[in-house]
Amino acid sequence: SDGVPNDPPQALVDITTANWEQLPIHGVAL
């Protein structure tokens, strides 16, 4: 991605909560 979520702290919570299997999430920041 080249952007930022509208509410960055909430996005951290929502994504990490959804990652209940704790898969590695790698990022390519453009």
Full PDB file with SEQRES, HELIX, SHEET, SSBOND, CRYST1, ORIGX, SCALE, CONECT and MASTER records, all heavy atoms in Angstrom:
SEQRES   1 A   30  SER ASP GLY VAL PRO ASN ASP PRO PRO GLN ALA LEU VAL          
SEQRES   2 A   30  ASP ILE THR THR ALA ASN TRP GLU GLN LEU PRO ILE HIS          
SEQRES   3 A   30  GLY VAL ALA LEU                                              
HELIX    1 AA1 PRO A    8  ALA A   18  1                                  11    
CRYST1    1.000    1.000    1.000  90.00  90.00  90.00 P 1           1          
ORIGX1      1.000000  0.000000  0.000000        0.00000                         
ORIGX2      0.000000  1.000000  0.000000        0.00000                         
ORIGX3      0.000000  0.000000  1.000000        0.00000                         
SCALE1      1.000000  0.000000  0.000000        0.00000                         
SCALE2      0.000000  1.000000  0.000000        0.00000                         
SCALE3      0.000000  0.000000  1.000000        0.00000                         
ATOM      1  N   SER A   1       0.834  -1.201   0.000  1.00  0.00           N  
ATOM      2  CA  SER A   1       0.000   0.000   0.000  1.00  0.00           C  
ATOM      3  C   SER A   1       0.868   1.250   0.000  1.00  0.00           C  
ATOM      4  O   SER A   1       2.001   1.234   0.491  1.00  0.00           O  
ATOM      5  CB  SER A   1      -0.920   0.013   1.230  1.00  0.00           C  
ATOM      6  OG  SER A   1      -1.710   1.185   1.268  1.00  0.00           O  
ATOM      7  N   ASP A   2       0.296   2.339  -0.526  1.00  0.00           N  
ATOM      8  CA  ASP A   2       0.975   3.633  -0.474  1.00  0.00           C  
ATOM      9  C   ASP A   2       0.222   4.622   0.408  1.00  0.00           C  
ATOM     10  O   ASP A   2       0.546   5.807   0.436  1.00  0.00           O  
ATOM     11  CB  ASP A   2       1.145   4.220  -1.882  1.00  0.00           C  
ATOM     12  CG  ASP A   2      -0.171   4.697  -2.481  1.00  0.00           C  
ATOM     13  OD1 ASP A   2      -1.247   4.320  -1.976  1.00  0.00           O  
ATOM     14  OD2 ASP A   2      -0.124   5.479  -3.457  1.00  0.00           O  
ATOM     15  N   GLY A   3      -0.787   4.130   1.141  1.00  0.00           N  
ATOM     16  CA  GLY A   3      -1.625   5.032   1.921  1.00  0.00           C  
ATOM     17  C   GLY A   3      -1.643   4.701   3.396  1.00  0.00           C  
ATOM     18  O   GLY A   3      -0.929   3.823   3.878  1.00  0.00           O  
ATOM     19  N   VAL A   4      -2.502   5.433   4.099  1.00  0.00           N  
ATOM     20  CA  VAL A   4      -2.694   5.258   5.535  1.00  0.00           C  
ATOM     21  C   VAL A   4      -4.191   5.123   5.789  1.00  0.00           C  
ATOM     22  O   VAL A   4      -4.991   5.859   5.197  1.00  0.00           O  
ATOM     23  CB  VAL A   4      -2.154   6.466   6.327  1.00  0.00           C  
ATOM     24  CG1 VAL A   4      -2.261   6.220   7.831  1.00  0.00           C  
ATOM     25  CG2 VAL A   4      -0.719   6.771   5.943  1.00  0.00           C  
ATOM     26  N   PRO A   5      -4.630   4.199   6.642  1.00  0.00           N  
ATOM     27  CA  PRO A   5      -6.054   4.115   6.967  1.00  0.00           C  
ATOM     28  C   PRO A   5      -6.568   5.431   7.554  1.00  0.00           C  
ATOM     29  O   PRO A   5      -5.809   6.204   8.149  1.00  0.00           O  
ATOM     30  CB  PRO A   5      -6.111   2.989   8.015  1.00  0.00           C  
ATOM     31  CG  PRO A   5      -4.867   2.200   7.794  1.00  0.00           C  
ATOM     32  CD  PRO A   5      -3.831   3.176   7.339  1.00  0.00           C  
ATOM     33  N   ASN A   6      -7.855   5.671   7.409  1.00  0.00           N  
ATOM     34  CA  ASN A   6      -8.437   6.897   7.945  1.00  0.00           C  
ATOM     35  C   ASN A   6      -8.272   7.001   9.452  1.00  0.00           C  
ATOM     36  O   ASN A   6      -8.092   8.092   9.991  1.00  0.00           O  
ATOM     37  CB  ASN A   6      -9.925   6.974   7.579  1.00  0.00           C  
ATOM     38  CG  ASN A   6     -10.147   7.184   6.100  1.00  0.00           C  
ATOM     39  OD1 ASN A   6      -9.314   7.786   5.425  1.00  0.00           O  
ATOM     40  ND2 ASN A   6     -11.256   6.690   5.578  1.00  0.00           N  
ATOM     41  N   ASP A   7      -8.351   5.885  10.140  1.00  0.00           N  
ATOM     42  CA  ASP A   7      -8.177   5.843  11.591  1.00  0.00           C  
ATOM     43  C   ASP A   7      -7.093   4.810  11.896  1.00  0.00           C  
ATOM     44  O   ASP A   7      -7.387   3.644  12.172  1.00  0.00           O  
ATOM     45  CB  ASP A   7      -9.500   5.461  12.270  1.00  0.00           C  
ATOM     46  CG  ASP A   7      -9.445   5.602  13.779  1.00  0.00           C  
ATOM     47  OD1 ASP A   7      -8.332   5.636  14.330  1.00  0.00           O  
ATOM     48  OD2 ASP A   7     -10.519   5.689  14.412  1.00  0.00           O  
ATOM     49  N   PRO A   8      -5.814   5.229  11.857  1.00  0.00           N  
ATOM     50  CA  PRO A   8      -4.723   4.253  12.002  1.00  0.00           C  
ATOM     51  C   PRO A   8      -4.781   3.412  13.278  1.00  0.00           C  
ATOM     52  O   PRO A   8      -4.609   2.190  13.206  1.00  0.00           O  
ATOM     53  CB  PRO A   8      -3.466   5.133  11.949  1.00  0.00           C  
ATOM     54  CG  PRO A   8      -3.874   6.320  11.138  1.00  0.00           C  
ATOM     55  CD  PRO A   8      -5.306   6.578  11.528  1.00  0.00           C  
ATOM     56  N   PRO A   9      -5.018   3.977  14.467  1.00  0.00           N  
ATOM     57  CA  PRO A   9      -5.063   3.123  15.670  1.00  0.00           C  
ATOM     58  C   PRO A   9      -6.172   2.080  15.607  1.00  0.00           C  
ATOM     59  O   PRO A   9      -5.971   0.924  15.984  1.00  0.00           O  
ATOM     60  CB  PRO A   9      -5.296   4.125  16.809  1.00  0.00           C  
ATOM     61  CG  PRO A   9      -4.766   5.416  16.286  1.00  0.00           C  
ATOM     62  CD  PRO A   9      -5.110   5.409  14.829  1.00  0.00           C  
ATOM     63  N   GLN A  10      -7.347   2.476  15.116  1.00  0.00           N  
ATOM     64  CA  GLN A  10      -8.450   1.521  15.023  1.00  0.00           C  
ATOM     65  C   GLN A  10      -8.146   0.437  14.003  1.00  0.00           C  
ATOM     66  O   GLN A  10      -8.505  -0.728  14.195  1.00  0.00           O  
ATOM     67  CB  GLN A  10      -9.749   2.235  14.659  1.00  0.00           C  
ATOM     68  CG  GLN A  10     -10.984   1.341  14.718  1.00  0.00           C  
ATOM     69  CD  GLN A  10     -11.217   0.789  16.103  1.00  0.00           C  
ATOM     70  OE1 GLN A  10     -11.194   1.530  17.083  1.00  0.00           O  
ATOM     71  NE2 GLN A  10     -11.420  -0.525  16.209  1.00  0.00           N  
ATOM     72  N   ALA A  11      -7.477   0.810  12.914  1.00  0.00           N  
ATOM     73  CA  ALA A  11      -7.102  -0.188  11.910  1.00  0.00           C  
ATOM     74  C   ALA A  11      -6.154  -1.228  12.502  1.00  0.00           C  
ATOM     75  O   ALA A  11      -6.263  -2.424  12.207  1.00  0.00           O  
ATOM     76  CB  ALA A  11      -6.462   0.494  10.699  1.00  0.00           C  
ATOM     77  N   LEU A  12      -5.205  -0.786  13.360  1.00  0.00           N  
ATOM     78  CA  LEU A  12      -4.322  -1.735  14.024  1.00  0.00           C  
ATOM     79  C   LEU A  12      -5.116  -2.741  14.857  1.00  0.00           C  
ATOM     80  O   LEU A  12      -4.854  -3.944  14.822  1.00  0.00           O  
ATOM     81  CB  LEU A  12      -3.336  -0.997  14.925  1.00  0.00           C  
ATOM     82  CG  LEU A  12      -2.158  -0.275  14.276  1.00  0.00           C  
ATOM     83  CD1 LEU A  12      -1.364   0.456  15.339  1.00  0.00           C  
ATOM     84  CD2 LEU A  12      -1.269  -1.239  13.511  1.00  0.00           C  
ATOM     85  N   VAL A  13      -6.090  -2.236  15.599  1.00  0.00           N  
ATOM     86  CA  VAL A  13      -6.911  -3.105  16.432  1.00  0.00           C  
ATOM     87  C   VAL A  13      -7.716  -4.074  15.582  1.00  0.00           C  
ATOM     88  O   VAL A  13      -7.745  -5.285  15.826  1.00  0.00           O  
ATOM     89  CB  VAL A  13      -7.847  -2.281  17.332  1.00  0.00           C  
ATOM     90  CG1 VAL A  13      -8.837  -3.190  18.066  1.00  0.00           C  
ATOM     91  CG2 VAL A  13      -7.048  -1.464  18.327  1.00  0.00           C  
ATOM     92  N   ASP A  14      -8.386  -3.540  14.555  1.00  0.00           N  
ATOM     93  CA  ASP A  14      -9.277  -4.370  13.739  1.00  0.00           C  
ATOM     94  C   ASP A  14      -8.512  -5.471  13.005  1.00  0.00           C  
ATOM     95  O   ASP A  14      -8.957  -6.630  12.953  1.00  0.00           O  
ATOM     96  CB  ASP A  14     -10.031  -3.500  12.735  1.00  0.00           C  
ATOM     97  CG  ASP A  14     -11.038  -2.571  13.398  1.00  0.00           C  
ATOM     98  OD1 ASP A  14     -11.369  -2.805  14.579  1.00  0.00           O  
ATOM     99  OD2 ASP A  14     -11.473  -1.605  12.740  1.00  0.00           O  
ATOM    100  N   ILE A  15      -7.373  -5.120  12.418  1.00  0.00           N  
ATOM    101  CA  ILE A  15      -6.610  -6.110  11.651  1.00  0.00           C  
ATOM    102  C   ILE A  15      -5.994  -7.158  12.585  1.00  0.00           C  
ATOM    103  O   ILE A  15      -6.064  -8.366  12.322  1.00  0.00           O  
ATOM    104  CB  ILE A  15      -5.520  -5.425  10.812  1.00  0.00           C  
ATOM    105  CG1 ILE A  15      -6.166  -4.595   9.694  1.00  0.00           C  
ATOM    106  CG2 ILE A  15      -4.560  -6.458  10.219  1.00  0.00           C  
ATOM    107  CD1 ILE A  15      -5.183  -3.727   8.919  1.00  0.00           C  
ATOM    108  N   THR A  16      -5.416  -6.720  13.687  1.00  0.00           N  
ATOM    109  CA  THR A  16      -4.758  -7.664  14.581  1.00  0.00           C  
ATOM    110  C   THR A  16      -5.776  -8.552  15.285  1.00  0.00           C  
ATOM    111  O   THR A  16      -5.510  -9.732  15.539  1.00  0.00           O  
ATOM    112  CB  THR A  16      -3.878  -6.919  15.595  1.00  0.00           C  
ATOM    113  OG1 THR A  16      -2.973  -6.075  14.870  1.00  0.00           O  
ATOM    114  CG2 THR A  16      -3.078  -7.884  16.442  1.00  0.00           C  
ATOM    115  N   THR A  17      -6.939  -8.031  15.577  1.00  0.00           N  
ATOM    116  CA  THR A  17      -7.998  -8.861  16.140  1.00  0.00           C  
ATOM    117  C   THR A  17      -8.422  -9.929  15.140  1.00  0.00           C  
ATOM    118  O   THR A  17      -8.649 -11.094  15.504  1.00  0.00           O  
ATOM    119  CB  THR A  17      -9.219  -8.009  16.521  1.00  0.00           C  
ATOM    120  OG1 THR A  17      -8.834  -6.999  17.443  1.00  0.00           O  
ATOM    121  CG2 THR A  17     -10.311  -8.858  17.146  1.00  0.00           C  
ATOM    122  N   ALA A  18      -8.542  -9.539  13.867  1.00  0.00           N  
ATOM    123  CA  ALA A  18      -8.942 -10.495  12.829  1.00  0.00           C  
ATOM    124  C   ALA A  18      -7.870 -11.554  12.592  1.00  0.00           C  
ATOM    125  O   ALA A  18      -8.170 -12.651  12.116  1.00  0.00           O  
ATOM    126  CB  ALA A  18      -9.237  -9.753  11.528  1.00  0.00           C  
ATOM    127  N   ASN A  19      -6.630 -11.241  12.940  1.00  0.00           N  
ATOM    128  CA  ASN A  19      -5.528 -12.173  12.737  1.00  0.00           C  
ATOM    129  C   ASN A  19      -5.425 -13.117  13.931  1.00  0.00           C  
ATOM    130  O   ASN A  19      -4.394 -13.240  14.595  1.00  0.00           O  
ATOM    131  CB  ASN A  19      -4.219 -11.411  12.544  1.00  0.00           C  
ATOM    132  CG  ASN A  19      -3.074 -12.309  12.109  1.00  0.00           C  
ATOM    133  OD1 ASN A  19      -3.291 -13.426  11.620  1.00  0.00           O  
ATOM    134  ND2 ASN A  19      -1.857 -11.836  12.291  1.00  0.00           N  
ATOM    135  N   TRP A  20      -6.500 -13.839  14.217  1.00  0.00           N  
ATOM    136  CA  TRP A  20      -6.558 -14.704  15.392  1.00  0.00           C  
ATOM    137  C   TRP A  20      -5.623 -15.917  15.284  1.00  0.00           C  
ATOM    138  O   TRP A  20      -5.260 -16.508  16.289  1.00  0.00           O  
ATOM    139  CB  TRP A  20      -7.994 -15.156  15.648  1.00  0.00           C  
ATOM    140  CG  TRP A  20      -8.637 -15.893  14.515  1.00  0.00           C  
ATOM    141  CD1 TRP A  20      -9.284 -15.332  13.455  1.00  0.00           C  
ATOM    142  CD2 TRP A  20      -8.720 -17.303  14.327  1.00  0.00           C  
ATOM    143  NE1 TRP A  20      -9.760 -16.303  12.605  1.00  0.00           N  
ATOM    144  CE2 TRP A  20      -9.428 -17.533  13.128  1.00  0.00           C  
ATOM    145  CE3 TRP A  20      -8.280 -18.400  15.064  1.00  0.00           C  
ATOM    146  CZ2 TRP A  20      -9.694 -18.810  12.637  1.00  0.00           C  
ATOM    147  CZ3 TRP A  20      -8.543 -19.677  14.582  1.00  0.00           C  
ATOM    148  CH2 TRP A  20      -9.240 -19.864  13.383  1.00  0.00           C  
ATOM    149  N   GLU A  21      -5.221 -16.270  14.053  1.00  0.00           N  
ATOM    150  CA  GLU A  21      -4.233 -17.348  13.890  1.00  0.00           C  
ATOM    151  C   GLU A  21      -2.799 -16.836  14.015  1.00  0.00           C  
ATOM    152  O   GLU A  21      -1.859 -17.621  13.949  1.00  0.00           O  
ATOM    153  CB  GLU A  21      -4.420 -18.024  12.538  1.00  0.00           C  
ATOM    154  CG  GLU A  21      -5.708 -18.803  12.419  1.00  0.00           C  
ATOM    155  CD  GLU A  21      -5.731 -19.650  11.168  1.00  0.00           C  
ATOM    156  OE1 GLU A  21      -5.939 -19.095  10.074  1.00  0.00           O  
ATOM    157  OE2 GLU A  21      -5.510 -20.860  11.290  1.00  0.00           O  
ATOM    158  N   GLN A  22      -2.652 -15.528  14.150  1.00  0.00           N  
ATOM    159  CA  GLN A  22      -1.346 -14.894  14.299  1.00  0.00           C  
ATOM    160  C   GLN A  22      -0.414 -15.218  13.126  1.00  0.00           C  
ATOM    161  O   GLN A  22       0.756 -15.584  13.307  1.00  0.00           O  
ATOM    162  CB  GLN A  22      -0.711 -15.265  15.636  1.00  0.00           C  
ATOM    163  CG  GLN A  22      -1.541 -14.816  16.830  1.00  0.00           C  
ATOM    164  CD  GLN A  22      -0.855 -15.049  18.161  1.00  0.00           C  
ATOM    165  OE1 GLN A  22       0.344 -14.875  18.278  1.00  0.00           O  
ATOM    166  NE2 GLN A  22      -1.623 -15.429  19.174  1.00  0.00           N  
ATOM    167  N   LEU A  23      -0.945 -15.100  11.919  1.00  0.00           N  
ATOM    168  CA  LEU A  23      -0.103 -15.265  10.736  1.00  0.00           C  
ATOM    169  C   LEU A  23       0.840 -14.068  10.626  1.00  0.00           C  
ATOM    170  O   LEU A  23       0.485 -12.947  10.989  1.00  0.00           O  
ATOM    171  CB  LEU A  23      -0.977 -15.335   9.480  1.00  0.00           C  
ATOM    172  CG  LEU A  23      -2.033 -16.440   9.416  1.00  0.00           C  
ATOM    173  CD1 LEU A  23      -2.758 -16.373   8.078  1.00  0.00           C  
ATOM    174  CD2 LEU A  23      -1.418 -17.809   9.633  1.00  0.00           C  
ATOM    175  N   PRO A  24       2.037 -14.274  10.108  1.00  0.00           N  
ATOM    176  CA  PRO A  24       2.912 -13.126   9.867  1.00  0.00           C  
ATOM    177  C   PRO A  24       2.285 -12.192   8.822  1.00  0.00           C  
ATOM    178  O   PRO A  24       1.833 -12.656   7.767  1.00  0.00           O  
ATOM    179  CB  PRO A  24       4.200 -13.757   9.327  1.00  0.00           C  
ATOM    180  CG  PRO A  24       4.130 -15.194   9.736  1.00  0.00           C  
ATOM    181  CD  PRO A  24       2.678 -15.556   9.754  1.00  0.00           C  
ATOM    182  N   ILE A  25       2.236 -10.921   9.133  1.00  0.00           N  
ATOM    183  CA  ILE A  25       1.786  -9.913   8.176  1.00  0.00           C  
ATOM    184  C   ILE A  25       2.986  -9.055   7.818  1.00  0.00           C  
ATOM    185  O   ILE A  25       3.508  -8.309   8.647  1.00  0.00           O  
ATOM    186  CB  ILE A  25       0.652  -9.045   8.735  1.00  0.00           C  
ATOM    187  CG1 ILE A  25      -0.578  -9.909   9.041  1.00  0.00           C  
ATOM    188  CG2 ILE A  25       0.284  -7.936   7.738  1.00  0.00           C  
ATOM    189  CD1 ILE A  25      -1.761  -9.115   9.610  1.00  0.00           C  
ATOM    190  N   HIS A  26       3.426  -9.181   6.584  1.00  0.00           N  
ATOM    191  CA  HIS A  26       4.554  -8.400   6.078  1.00  0.00           C  
ATOM    192  C   HIS A  26       4.022  -7.198   5.300  1.00  0.00           C  
ATOM    193  O   HIS A  26       2.966  -7.281   4.668  1.00  0.00           O  
ATOM    194  CB  HIS A  26       5.435  -9.259   5.179  1.00  0.00           C  
ATOM    195  CG  HIS A  26       5.957 -10.494   5.841  1.00  0.00           C  
ATOM    196  ND1 HIS A  26       6.981 -10.473   6.764  1.00  0.00           N  
ATOM    197  CD2 HIS A  26       5.578 -11.805   5.730  1.00  0.00           C  
ATOM    198  CE1 HIS A  26       7.225 -11.705   7.184  1.00  0.00           C  
ATOM    199  NE2 HIS A  26       6.392 -12.528   6.575  1.00  0.00           N  
ATOM    200  N   GLY A  27       4.768  -6.115   5.342  1.00  0.00           N  
ATOM    201  CA  GLY A  27       4.319  -4.901   4.664  1.00  0.00           C  
ATOM    202  C   GLY A  27       5.324  -4.398   3.646  1.00  0.00           C  
ATOM    203  O   GLY A  27       6.534  -4.408   3.899  1.00  0.00           O  
ATOM    204  N   VAL A  28       4.805  -3.981   2.490  1.00  0.00           N  
ATOM    205  CA  VAL A  28       5.606  -3.252   1.512  1.00  0.00           C  
ATOM    206  C   VAL A  28       5.003  -1.854   1.445  1.00  0.00           C  
ATOM    207  O   VAL A  28       3.902  -1.653   0.927  1.00  0.00           O  
ATOM    208  CB  VAL A  28       5.570  -3.923   0.127  1.00  0.00           C  
ATOM    209  CG1 VAL A  28       6.360  -3.095  -0.880  1.00  0.00           C  
ATOM    210  CG2 VAL A  28       6.122  -5.342   0.206  1.00  0.00           C  
ATOM    211  N   ALA A  29       5.711  -0.903   2.037  1.00  0.00           N  
ATOM    212  CA  ALA A  29       5.208   0.468   2.156  1.00  0.00           C  
ATOM    213  C   ALA A  29       5.704   1.296   0.982  1.00  0.00           C  
ATOM    214  O   ALA A  29       6.900   1.554   0.848  1.00  0.00           O  
ATOM    215  CB  ALA A  29       5.656   1.075   3.472  1.00  0.00           C  
ATOM    216  N   LEU A  30       4.778   1.694   0.145  1.00  0.00           N  
ATOM    217  CA  LEU A  30       5.117   2.536  -0.997  1.00  0.00           C  
ATOM    218  C   LEU A  30       4.881   4.007  -0.684  1.00  0.00           C  
ATOM    219  O   LEU A  30       5.009   4.852  -1.568  1.00  0.00           O  
ATOM    220  CB  LEU A  30       4.263   2.135  -2.208  1.00  0.00           C  
ATOM    221  CG  LEU A  30       4.264   0.650  -2.584  1.00  0.00           C  
ATOM    222  CD1 LEU A  30       3.380   0.415  -3.809  1.00  0.00           C  
ATOM    223  CD2 LEU A  30       5.677   0.152  -2.843  1.00  0.00           C  
TER     224      LEU A  30                                                      
MASTER        0    0    0    1    0    0    0    6  223    1    0    3          
END                                                                             
